[in-house]
Amino acid sequence: MIGRLVQSAFQTGCLSVESEGLIRQVLAMRGYQSADLAALERLYDAVHTGQIQREAHGRVNLLSPLPN
């Protein structure tokens, strides 16, 4: 699921509040695979370089340390 959300963000150039929330939910439920984490890293880099804009304001915490 994360891969599809990241792909959508790259296609639109925007990370929606809804997509960001879904990503957080998937991470919290540990419903991700290694490919999802790689996609999330690309998204994080794209947001920080301005390639993708966020609808939400504030700091990007998508790649905050994951719970053990």
C-alpha atoms as a PDB file:
ATOM      1  CA  MET A   1       0.000   0.000   0.000  1.00  0.00           C
ATOM      2  CA  ILE A   2       2.783   2.439   0.836  1.00  0.00           C
ATOM      3  CA  GLY A   3       4.281   1.946  -2.623  1.00  0.00           C
ATOM      4  CA  ARG A   4       1.005   2.943  -4.277  1.00  0.00           C
ATOM      5  CA  LEU A   5       0.658   6.033  -2.069  1.00  0.00           C
ATOM      6  CA  VAL A   6       4.224   7.077  -2.850  1.00  0.00           C
ATOM      7  CA  GLN A   7       3.655   6.507  -6.568  1.00  0.00           C
ATOM      8  CA  SER A   8       0.571   8.720  -6.410  1.00  0.00           C
ATOM      9  CA  ALA A   9       2.549  11.468  -4.681  1.00  0.00           C
ATOM     10  CA  PHE A  10       5.186  11.375  -7.415  1.00  0.00           C
ATOM     11  CA  GLN A  11       2.516  11.468 -10.125  1.00  0.00           C
ATOM     12  CA  THR A  12       0.713  14.457  -8.622  1.00  0.00           C
ATOM     13  CA  GLY A  13       3.685  16.219  -7.063  1.00  0.00           C
ATOM     14  CA  CYS A  14       1.746  16.424  -3.801  1.00  0.00           C
ATOM     15  CA  LEU A  15       1.486  14.274  -0.686  1.00  0.00           C
ATOM     16  CA  SER A  16      -2.077  14.601   0.553  1.00  0.00           C
ATOM     17  CA  VAL A  17      -3.014  14.702   4.214  1.00  0.00           C
ATOM     18  CA  GLU A  18      -5.022  11.526   3.654  1.00  0.00           C
ATOM     19  CA  SER A  19      -2.103   9.655   2.081  1.00  0.00           C
ATOM     20  CA  GLU A  20       0.216  10.759   4.839  1.00  0.00           C
ATOM     21  CA  GLY A  21      -2.276   9.510   7.428  1.00  0.00           C
ATOM     22  CA  LEU A  22      -2.611   6.151   5.674  1.00  0.00           C
ATOM     23  CA  ILE A  23       1.166   5.786   5.561  1.00  0.00           C
ATOM     24  CA  ARG A  24       1.329   6.453   9.300  1.00  0.00           C
ATOM     25  CA  GLN A  25      -1.385   3.846   9.943  1.00  0.00           C
ATOM     26  CA  VAL A  26       0.395   1.188   7.885  1.00  0.00           C
ATOM     27  CA  LEU A  27       3.646   1.907   9.718  1.00  0.00           C
ATOM     28  CA  ALA A  28       1.926   1.749  13.107  1.00  0.00           C
ATOM     29  CA  MET A  29       0.327  -1.597  12.235  1.00  0.00           C
ATOM     30  CA  ARG A  30       3.631  -2.872  10.845  1.00  0.00           C
ATOM     31  CA  GLY A  31       1.850  -3.769   7.635  1.00  0.00           C
ATOM     32  CA  TYR A  32       4.775  -2.929   5.383  1.00  0.00           C
ATOM     33  CA  GLN A  33       7.526  -4.704   3.474  1.00  0.00           C
ATOM     34  CA  SER A  34      11.112  -3.721   2.737  1.00  0.00           C
ATOM     35  CA  ALA A  35      10.071  -2.351  -0.678  1.00  0.00           C
ATOM     36  CA  ASP A  36       7.629  -0.031   1.104  1.00  0.00           C
ATOM     37  CA  LEU A  37      10.427   1.354   3.250  1.00  0.00           C
ATOM     38  CA  ALA A  38      12.566   2.000   0.174  1.00  0.00           C
ATOM     39  CA  ALA A  39       9.637   3.847  -1.438  1.00  0.00           C
ATOM     40  CA  LEU A  40       9.174   5.832   1.749  1.00  0.00           C
ATOM     41  CA  GLU A  41      12.824   6.879   1.688  1.00  0.00           C
ATOM     42  CA  ARG A  42      12.412   8.155  -1.889  1.00  0.00           C
ATOM     43  CA  LEU A  43       9.319  10.077  -0.809  1.00  0.00           C
ATOM     44  CA  TYR A  44      11.123  11.579   2.175  1.00  0.00           C
ATOM     45  CA  ASP A  45      13.984  12.747  -0.055  1.00  0.00           C
ATOM     46  CA  ALA A  46      11.560  14.175  -2.631  1.00  0.00           C
ATOM     47  CA  VAL A  47       9.697  16.148   0.031  1.00  0.00           C
ATOM     48  CA  HIS A  48      12.936  17.535   1.439  1.00  0.00           C
ATOM     49  CA  THR A  49      14.215  18.590  -1.983  1.00  0.00           C
ATOM     50  CA  GLY A  50      10.903  20.199  -2.930  1.00  0.00           C
ATOM     51  CA  GLN A  51      10.085  17.742  -5.698  1.00  0.00           C
ATOM     52  CA  ILE A  52       6.901  16.824  -3.814  1.00  0.00           C
ATOM     53  CA  GLN A  53       4.847  19.258  -1.746  1.00  0.00           C
ATOM     54  CA  ARG A  54       2.937  18.306   1.395  1.00  0.00           C
ATOM     55  CA  GLU A  55      -0.622  19.420   2.056  1.00  0.00           C
ATOM     56  CA  ALA A  56       0.042  19.166   5.791  1.00  0.00           C
ATOM     57  CA  HIS A  57       2.135  21.788   7.491  1.00  0.00           C
ATOM     58  CA  GLY A  58       4.944  21.131   9.884  1.00  0.00           C
ATOM     59  CA  ARG A  59       7.843  18.795  10.098  1.00  0.00           C
ATOM     60  CA  VAL A  60       8.008  15.601   8.054  1.00  0.00           C
ATOM     61  CA  ASN A  61       8.077  12.612  10.394  1.00  0.00           C
ATOM     62  CA  LEU A  62       7.361   9.867   7.888  1.00  0.00           C
ATOM     63  CA  LEU A  63      10.688   8.196   8.529  1.00  0.00           C
ATOM     64  CA  SER A  64      10.832   8.662  12.269  1.00  0.00           C
ATOM     65  CA  PRO A  65      12.253   5.639  14.035  1.00  0.00           C
ATOM     66  CA  LEU A  66       9.885   2.713  13.789  1.00  0.00           C
ATOM     67  CA  PRO A  67       8.799   0.961  16.983  1.00  0.00           C
ATOM     68  CA  ASN A  68      10.529  -2.358  17.692  1.00  0.00           C
END
